[in-house]
Amino acid sequence: MDRQKLMDTLIPAAWEAAKNAYVPYSGFRVGAALLTKSGKLYPGCNIENSAYGPTNCAERTAIFSAVAQGEREFTAIAVVGQFADGTPAGGEGFAYPCGVCRQVMAEFCHPDEFLVLLENHQGERKALTLRELLPYGFVLRD
């Protein structure tokens, strides 16, 4: 599937997933949509906790859900986010994956093939490889 079709498929699914976010503390909703190589789509949203440490990001929610269902090979993930009042994220309004999520992606995804798709509140889009987001990720295998 080409990048444009991936974006047109995954980004709306990520915005839909963001609606399920549990964000009573930050008010910042994040949604993710993960595409497996087998063609299945796994949504994810961020889930906050008052202790903060147990909070889980949308990307990891999607990846862990897929892994729990036996999936281990992934093609792309879309990530979107904004505050509940519509205020955009920092970083040009894109909700870039955090370092922990990037490292989880590195566990399962090829750094030069796996795509991270982003859209900001203005409809601007980006497609980055995992290597572009995590150029020196810690991996035990190639």
N, C-alpha and C. Protein backbone atom coordinates (compact mmCIF):
# COMPACT_ATOMS: atom_id res chain seq x y z
N MET A 1 0.85 -1.17 0.00
CA MET A 1 0.00 0.00 0.00
C MET A 1 0.90 1.24 0.00
N ASP A 2 0.61 2.22 -0.84
CA ASP A 2 1.45 3.41 -0.90
C ASP A 2 1.18 4.33 0.29
N ARG A 3 2.07 5.28 0.50
CA ARG A 3 1.98 6.16 1.67
C ARG A 3 0.67 6.94 1.72
N GLN A 4 0.23 7.43 0.59
CA GLN A 4 -1.01 8.22 0.58
C GLN A 4 -2.20 7.37 1.01
N LYS A 5 -2.28 6.16 0.49
CA LYS A 5 -3.38 5.27 0.86
C LYS A 5 -3.29 4.87 2.33
N LEU A 6 -2.06 4.64 2.81
CA LEU A 6 -1.87 4.35 4.23
C LEU A 6 -2.39 5.50 5.08
N MET A 7 -2.03 6.71 4.71
CA MET A 7 -2.49 7.88 5.47
C MET A 7 -4.00 8.01 5.43
N ASP A 8 -4.57 7.84 4.25
CA ASP A 8 -6.02 7.98 4.10
C ASP A 8 -6.79 6.91 4.87
N THR A 9 -6.16 5.78 5.13
CA THR A 9 -6.79 4.69 5.88
C THR A 9 -6.54 4.82 7.38
N LEU A 10 -5.29 5.03 7.76
CA LEU A 10 -4.93 4.98 9.17
C LEU A 10 -5.21 6.26 9.95
N ILE A 11 -5.03 7.41 9.35
CA ILE A 11 -5.21 8.65 10.10
C ILE A 11 -6.65 8.83 10.58
N PRO A 12 -7.67 8.63 9.75
CA PRO A 12 -9.04 8.73 10.29
C PRO A 12 -9.31 7.72 11.41
N ALA A 13 -8.73 6.53 11.29
CA ALA A 13 -8.90 5.52 12.34
C ALA A 13 -8.23 5.98 13.64
N ALA A 14 -7.11 6.67 13.54
CA ALA A 14 -6.43 7.18 14.73
C ALA A 14 -7.25 8.29 15.40
N TRP A 15 -7.83 9.19 14.60
CA TRP A 15 -8.69 10.23 15.18
C TRP A 15 -9.90 9.60 15.87
N GLU A 16 -10.44 8.56 15.29
CA GLU A 16 -11.57 7.86 15.91
C GLU A 16 -11.15 7.22 17.23
N ALA A 17 -9.98 6.60 17.25
CA ALA A 17 -9.47 5.97 18.47
C ALA A 17 -9.25 7.00 19.58
N ALA A 18 -8.85 8.21 19.21
CA ALA A 18 -8.60 9.26 20.21
C ALA A 18 -9.86 9.60 21.00
N LYS A 19 -11.01 9.35 20.42
CA LYS A 19 -12.27 9.63 21.12
C LYS A 19 -12.42 8.77 22.38
N ASN A 20 -11.73 7.64 22.42
CA ASN A 20 -11.84 6.74 23.56
C ASN A 20 -10.78 7.01 24.63
N ALA A 21 -9.93 8.00 24.41
CA ALA A 21 -8.86 8.30 25.37
C ALA A 21 -9.43 8.62 26.75
N TYR A 22 -8.73 8.16 27.77
CA TYR A 22 -9.08 8.46 29.15
C TYR A 22 -8.04 9.45 29.66
N VAL A 23 -8.41 10.74 29.68
CA VAL A 23 -7.43 11.80 29.95
C VAL A 23 -7.93 12.83 30.97
N PRO A 24 -8.31 12.38 32.17
CA PRO A 24 -8.84 13.32 33.16
C PRO A 24 -7.81 14.29 33.72
N TYR A 25 -6.53 14.04 33.53
CA TYR A 25 -5.49 14.88 34.12
C TYR A 25 -4.90 15.86 33.11
N SER A 26 -4.51 15.39 31.95
CA SER A 26 -3.90 16.29 30.97
C SER A 26 -4.92 16.88 30.01
N GLY A 27 -6.01 16.17 29.77
CA GLY A 27 -6.97 16.61 28.76
C GLY A 27 -6.45 16.46 27.35
N PHE A 28 -5.31 15.78 27.18
CA PHE A 28 -4.70 15.63 25.86
C PHE A 28 -5.01 14.24 25.31
N ARG A 29 -5.87 14.20 24.30
CA ARG A 29 -6.31 12.95 23.69
C ARG A 29 -5.35 12.55 22.57
N VAL A 30 -4.91 11.29 22.61
CA VAL A 30 -4.06 10.76 21.55
C VAL A 30 -4.70 9.48 21.03
N GLY A 31 -4.69 9.34 19.72
CA GLY A 31 -5.19 8.13 19.09
C GLY A 31 -4.14 7.55 18.18
N ALA A 32 -4.16 6.23 18.06
CA ALA A 32 -3.23 5.53 17.17
C ALA A 32 -3.99 4.47 16.40
N ALA A 33 -3.50 4.17 15.23
CA ALA A 33 -4.05 3.07 14.42
C ALA A 33 -2.87 2.34 13.82
N LEU A 34 -2.73 1.08 14.19
CA LEU A 34 -1.60 0.24 13.80
C LEU A 34 -2.04 -0.75 12.74
N LEU A 35 -1.30 -0.82 11.65
CA LEU A 35 -1.58 -1.77 10.58
C LEU A 35 -0.56 -2.90 10.62
N THR A 36 -1.06 -4.13 10.68
CA THR A 36 -0.17 -5.29 10.67
C THR A 36 0.13 -5.69 9.23
N LYS A 37 1.18 -6.47 9.06
CA LYS A 37 1.50 -6.97 7.72
C LYS A 37 0.42 -7.90 7.20
N SER A 38 -0.37 -8.49 8.11
CA SER A 38 -1.47 -9.36 7.68
C SER A 38 -2.71 -8.57 7.29
N GLY A 39 -2.66 -7.24 7.45
CA GLY A 39 -3.75 -6.38 7.02
C GLY A 39 -4.75 -6.02 8.11
N LYS A 40 -4.51 -6.43 9.34
CA LYS A 40 -5.42 -6.09 10.44
C LYS A 40 -5.07 -4.72 11.00
N LEU A 41 -6.11 -4.04 11.50
CA LEU A 41 -5.95 -2.70 12.06
C LEU A 41 -6.25 -2.77 13.56
N TYR A 42 -5.33 -2.24 14.35
CA TYR A 42 -5.51 -2.19 15.81
C TYR A 42 -5.51 -0.75 16.27
N PRO A 43 -6.61 -0.28 16.86
CA PRO A 43 -6.64 1.08 17.40
C PRO A 43 -6.04 1.12 18.79
N GLY A 44 -5.63 2.31 19.18
CA GLY A 44 -5.14 2.52 20.54
C GLY A 44 -5.39 3.95 20.96
N CYS A 45 -5.55 4.16 22.25
CA CYS A 45 -5.71 5.50 22.80
C CYS A 45 -4.88 5.60 24.07
N ASN A 46 -4.60 6.83 24.49
CA ASN A 46 -3.86 6.98 25.73
C ASN A 46 -4.81 6.81 26.91
N ILE A 47 -4.27 6.23 27.98
CA ILE A 47 -5.05 5.94 29.18
C ILE A 47 -4.24 6.44 30.36
N GLU A 48 -4.71 7.52 30.99
CA GLU A 48 -3.98 8.13 32.09
C GLU A 48 -4.33 7.49 33.43
N ASN A 49 -3.46 7.74 34.40
CA ASN A 49 -3.65 7.26 35.75
C ASN A 49 -3.16 8.35 36.69
N SER A 50 -3.81 8.50 37.83
CA SER A 50 -3.43 9.57 38.76
C SER A 50 -2.00 9.43 39.26
N ALA A 51 -1.43 8.24 39.23
CA ALA A 51 -0.05 8.04 39.65
C ALA A 51 0.93 8.33 38.52
N TYR A 52 0.46 8.64 37.34
CA TYR A 52 1.22 8.97 36.14
C TYR A 52 2.06 7.82 35.60
N GLY A 53 2.84 7.14 36.41
CA GLY A 53 3.68 6.04 35.94
C GLY A 53 2.89 4.95 35.22
N PRO A 54 1.73 4.57 35.71
CA PRO A 54 0.95 3.53 35.03
C PRO A 54 0.24 4.01 33.76
N THR A 55 0.36 5.29 33.43
CA THR A 55 -0.26 5.81 32.21
C THR A 55 0.30 5.07 31.00
N ASN A 56 -0.56 4.83 30.02
CA ASN A 56 -0.12 4.14 28.79
C ASN A 56 -0.46 5.00 27.58
N CYS A 57 0.51 5.11 26.69
CA CYS A 57 0.33 5.89 25.46
C CYS A 57 -0.50 5.14 24.44
N ALA A 58 -1.08 5.86 23.51
CA ALA A 58 -1.91 5.28 22.46
C ALA A 58 -1.15 4.28 21.60
N GLU A 59 0.10 4.62 21.27
CA GLU A 59 0.90 3.75 20.42
C GLU A 59 1.13 2.39 21.07
N ARG A 60 1.51 2.42 22.35
CA ARG A 60 1.75 1.16 23.06
C ARG A 60 0.45 0.39 23.28
N THR A 61 -0.65 1.09 23.49
CA THR A 61 -1.93 0.40 23.62
C THR A 61 -2.22 -0.39 22.34
N ALA A 62 -2.02 0.22 21.19
CA ALA A 62 -2.27 -0.46 19.92
C ALA A 62 -1.30 -1.62 19.71
N ILE A 63 -0.01 -1.39 19.95
CA ILE A 63 0.98 -2.45 19.74
C ILE A 63 0.75 -3.61 20.69
N PHE A 64 0.52 -3.31 21.96
CA PHE A 64 0.32 -4.38 22.94
C PHE A 64 -0.95 -5.17 22.64
N SER A 65 -1.99 -4.49 22.17
CA SER A 65 -3.22 -5.19 21.79
C SER A 65 -2.96 -6.16 20.64
N ALA A 66 -2.20 -5.69 19.66
CA ALA A 66 -1.88 -6.55 18.51
C ALA A 66 -1.03 -7.74 18.93
N VAL A 67 -0.02 -7.49 19.74
CA VAL A 67 0.85 -8.58 20.19
C VAL A 67 0.04 -9.58 21.01
N ALA A 68 -0.87 -9.10 21.83
CA ALA A 68 -1.70 -10.00 22.63
C ALA A 68 -2.59 -10.88 21.76
N GLN A 69 -2.84 -10.46 20.53
CA GLN A 69 -3.64 -11.24 19.58
C GLN A 69 -2.77 -12.08 18.65
N GLY A 70 -1.46 -12.12 18.93
CA GLY A 70 -0.55 -12.96 18.16
C GLY A 70 0.16 -12.29 17.00
N GLU A 71 -0.07 -11.01 16.80
CA GLU A 71 0.59 -10.29 15.71
C GLU A 71 2.01 -9.89 16.13
N ARG A 72 2.94 -9.97 15.20
CA ARG A 72 4.33 -9.58 15.49
C ARG A 72 4.96 -8.77 14.37
N GLU A 73 4.26 -8.61 13.26
CA GLU A 73 4.83 -7.88 12.12
C GLU A 73 3.92 -6.72 11.75
N PHE A 74 4.52 -5.53 11.69
CA PHE A 74 3.74 -4.31 11.51
C PHE A 74 4.26 -3.49 10.34
N THR A 75 3.34 -2.80 9.68
CA THR A 75 3.64 -2.00 8.50
C THR A 75 3.75 -0.51 8.83
N ALA A 76 2.76 0.00 9.58
CA ALA A 76 2.70 1.43 9.85
C ALA A 76 1.80 1.71 11.04
N ILE A 77 1.99 2.89 11.62
CA ILE A 77 1.11 3.36 12.68
C ILE A 77 0.83 4.84 12.43
N ALA A 78 -0.41 5.23 12.62
CA ALA A 78 -0.78 6.65 12.56
C ALA A 78 -0.97 7.12 14.00
N VAL A 79 -0.51 8.34 14.28
CA VAL A 79 -0.63 8.91 15.61
C VAL A 79 -1.12 10.35 15.48
N VAL A 80 -2.18 10.66 16.21
CA VAL A 80 -2.75 12.01 16.20
C VAL A 80 -3.09 12.41 17.62
N GLY A 81 -3.16 13.70 17.86
CA GLY A 81 -3.55 14.13 19.19
C GLY A 81 -3.80 15.62 19.28
N GLN A 82 -4.65 15.96 20.25
CA GLN A 82 -4.91 17.36 20.56
C GLN A 82 -5.64 17.42 21.89
N PHE A 83 -5.63 18.59 22.51
CA PHE A 83 -6.35 18.77 23.76
C PHE A 83 -7.85 18.70 23.51
N ALA A 84 -8.59 18.33 24.52
CA ALA A 84 -10.04 18.16 24.40
C ALA A 84 -10.72 19.43 23.90
N ASP A 85 -10.16 20.61 24.20
CA ASP A 85 -10.76 21.85 23.72
C ASP A 85 -10.34 22.21 22.31
N GLY A 86 -9.59 21.32 21.65
CA GLY A 86 -9.16 21.56 20.27
C GLY A 86 -7.79 22.20 20.14
N THR A 87 -7.18 22.59 21.26
CA THR A 87 -5.83 23.16 21.23
C THR A 87 -4.87 22.10 20.71
N PRO A 88 -4.00 22.46 19.77
CA PRO A 88 -3.08 21.46 19.21
C PRO A 88 -1.92 21.14 20.14
N ALA A 89 -1.23 20.09 19.80
CA ALA A 89 0.01 19.71 20.49
C ALA A 89 1.10 20.71 20.13
N GLY A 90 2.19 20.66 20.87
CA GLY A 90 3.38 21.42 20.50
C GLY A 90 4.02 20.75 19.30
N GLY A 91 5.18 21.19 18.90
CA GLY A 91 5.88 20.54 17.78
C GLY A 91 5.11 20.63 16.48
N GLU A 92 4.67 21.84 16.12
CA GLU A 92 3.92 22.09 14.90
C GLU A 92 2.54 21.43 14.93
N GLY A 93 2.07 21.07 16.11
CA GLY A 93 0.75 20.46 16.24
C GLY A 93 0.74 18.96 16.03
N PHE A 94 1.89 18.35 15.79
CA PHE A 94 1.97 16.90 15.62
C PHE A 94 2.18 16.23 16.97
N ALA A 95 1.55 15.09 17.17
CA ALA A 95 1.72 14.31 18.39
C ALA A 95 2.76 13.23 18.12
N TYR A 96 4.02 13.63 18.18
CA TYR A 96 5.11 12.68 17.94
C TYR A 96 5.14 11.62 19.04
N PRO A 97 5.45 10.38 18.69
CA PRO A 97 5.57 9.34 19.73
C PRO A 97 6.68 9.68 20.72
N CYS A 98 6.44 9.34 21.98
CA CYS A 98 7.45 9.57 23.01
C CYS A 98 8.60 8.56 22.84
N GLY A 99 9.65 8.74 23.60
CA GLY A 99 10.81 7.86 23.51
C GLY A 99 10.50 6.42 23.87
N VAL A 100 9.66 6.21 24.88
CA VAL A 100 9.30 4.84 25.27
C VAL A 100 8.56 4.15 24.13
N CYS A 101 7.63 4.85 23.50
CA CYS A 101 6.88 4.25 22.39
C CYS A 101 7.80 3.96 21.20
N ARG A 102 8.74 4.85 20.94
CA ARG A 102 9.69 4.62 19.86
C ARG A 102 10.51 3.35 20.12
N GLN A 103 10.91 3.16 21.38
CA GLN A 103 11.69 1.97 21.72
C GLN A 103 10.83 0.71 21.60
N VAL A 104 9.56 0.76 21.98
CA VAL A 104 8.67 -0.39 21.81
C VAL A 104 8.51 -0.70 20.32
N MET A 105 8.37 0.32 19.50
CA MET A 105 8.30 0.10 18.05
C MET A 105 9.56 -0.60 17.56
N ALA A 106 10.71 -0.19 18.09
CA ALA A 106 11.99 -0.78 17.66
C ALA A 106 12.07 -2.26 18.01
N GLU A 107 11.33 -2.69 19.00
CA GLU A 107 11.33 -4.10 19.38
C GLU A 107 10.68 -4.97 18.31
N PHE A 108 9.68 -4.43 17.63
CA PHE A 108 8.88 -5.22 16.70
C PHE A 108 8.99 -4.81 15.24
N CYS A 109 9.52 -3.64 14.95
CA CYS A 109 9.41 -3.08 13.60
C CYS A 109 10.77 -2.83 12.96
N HIS A 110 10.85 -3.04 11.66
CA HIS A 110 12.08 -2.76 10.93
C HIS A 110 12.24 -1.25 10.83
N PRO A 111 13.40 -0.71 11.24
CA PRO A 111 13.57 0.74 11.30
C PRO A 111 13.47 1.47 9.97
N ASP A 112 13.77 0.79 8.87
CA ASP A 112 13.73 1.45 7.57
C ASP A 112 12.43 1.20 6.81
N GLU A 113 11.62 0.27 7.27
CA GLU A 113 10.38 -0.08 6.58
C GLU A 113 9.13 0.39 7.32
N PHE A 114 9.17 0.41 8.63
CA PHE A 114 7.99 0.79 9.42
C PHE A 114 7.78 2.29 9.33
N LEU A 115 6.55 2.69 9.02
CA LEU A 115 6.22 4.11 8.87
C LEU A 115 5.40 4.62 10.05
N VAL A 116 5.73 5.83 10.47
CA VAL A 116 4.96 6.54 11.49
C VAL A 116 4.30 7.70 10.77
N LEU A 117 2.97 7.68 10.75
CA LEU A 117 2.18 8.68 10.03
C LEU A 117 1.58 9.65 11.03
N LEU A 118 1.67 10.92 10.73
CA LEU A 118 1.19 11.95 11.64
C LEU A 118 0.30 12.94 10.91
N GLU A 119 -0.67 13.47 11.64
CA GLU A 119 -1.48 14.57 11.10
C GLU A 119 -1.73 15.55 12.23
N ASN A 120 -1.59 16.84 11.95
CA ASN A 120 -1.88 17.84 12.96
C ASN A 120 -3.32 18.35 12.81
N HIS A 121 -3.70 19.25 13.67
CA HIS A 121 -5.08 19.75 13.67
C HIS A 121 -5.43 20.56 12.43
N GLN A 122 -4.43 20.98 11.66
CA GLN A 122 -4.66 21.73 10.43
C GLN A 122 -4.73 20.83 9.20
N GLY A 123 -4.60 19.51 9.42
CA GLY A 123 -4.66 18.57 8.31
C GLY A 123 -3.34 18.35 7.60
N GLU A 124 -2.25 18.94 8.12
CA GLU A 124 -0.93 18.70 7.54
C GLU A 124 -0.48 17.31 7.96
N ARG A 125 0.19 16.62 7.05
CA ARG A 125 0.59 15.24 7.31
C ARG A 125 2.09 15.05 7.12
N LYS A 126 2.61 14.06 7.86
CA LYS A 126 4.01 13.65 7.73
C LYS A 126 4.07 12.14 7.75
N ALA A 127 5.04 11.60 7.03
CA ALA A 127 5.35 10.17 7.08
C ALA A 127 6.84 10.04 7.34
N LEU A 128 7.17 9.38 8.44
CA LEU A 128 8.56 9.20 8.84
C LEU A 128 8.84 7.73 9.06
N THR A 129 10.06 7.31 8.77
CA THR A 129 10.42 5.94 9.13
C THR A 129 10.78 5.91 10.61
N LEU A 130 10.74 4.72 11.17
CA LEU A 130 11.13 4.57 12.57
C LEU A 130 12.58 5.02 12.76
N ARG A 131 13.45 4.74 11.81
CA ARG A 131 14.84 5.17 11.93
C ARG A 131 14.96 6.68 12.00
N GLU A 132 14.12 7.40 11.26
CA GLU A 132 14.14 8.86 11.34
C GLU A 132 13.75 9.35 12.73
N LEU A 133 12.82 8.64 13.37
CA LEU A 133 12.39 9.02 14.72
C LEU A 133 13.31 8.52 15.81
N LEU A 134 14.00 7.42 15.56
CA LEU A 134 14.86 6.79 16.57
C LEU A 134 16.15 6.33 15.89
N PRO A 135 17.03 7.28 15.54
CA PRO A 135 18.20 6.92 14.74
C PRO A 135 19.19 5.98 15.43
N TYR A 136 19.24 5.98 16.73
CA TYR A 136 20.20 5.13 17.45
C TYR A 136 19.48 4.31 18.51
N GLY A 137 18.39 3.68 18.10
CA GLY A 137 17.61 2.88 19.04
C GLY A 137 18.37 1.67 19.54
N PHE A 138 18.04 1.25 20.73
CA PHE A 138 18.66 0.08 21.34
C PHE A 138 17.98 -1.17 20.83
N VAL A 139 18.73 -2.03 20.14
CA VAL A 139 18.20 -3.30 19.64
C VAL A 139 19.22 -4.40 19.87
N LEU A 140 18.75 -5.59 20.11
CA LEU A 140 19.63 -6.73 20.30
C LEU A 140 19.77 -7.56 19.04
N ARG A 141 18.99 -7.23 18.02
CA ARG A 141 19.00 -7.98 16.76
C ARG A 141 18.81 -7.00 15.63
N ASP A 142 19.14 -7.42 14.43
CA ASP A 142 18.90 -6.58 13.24
C ASP A 142 17.65 -7.02 12.54
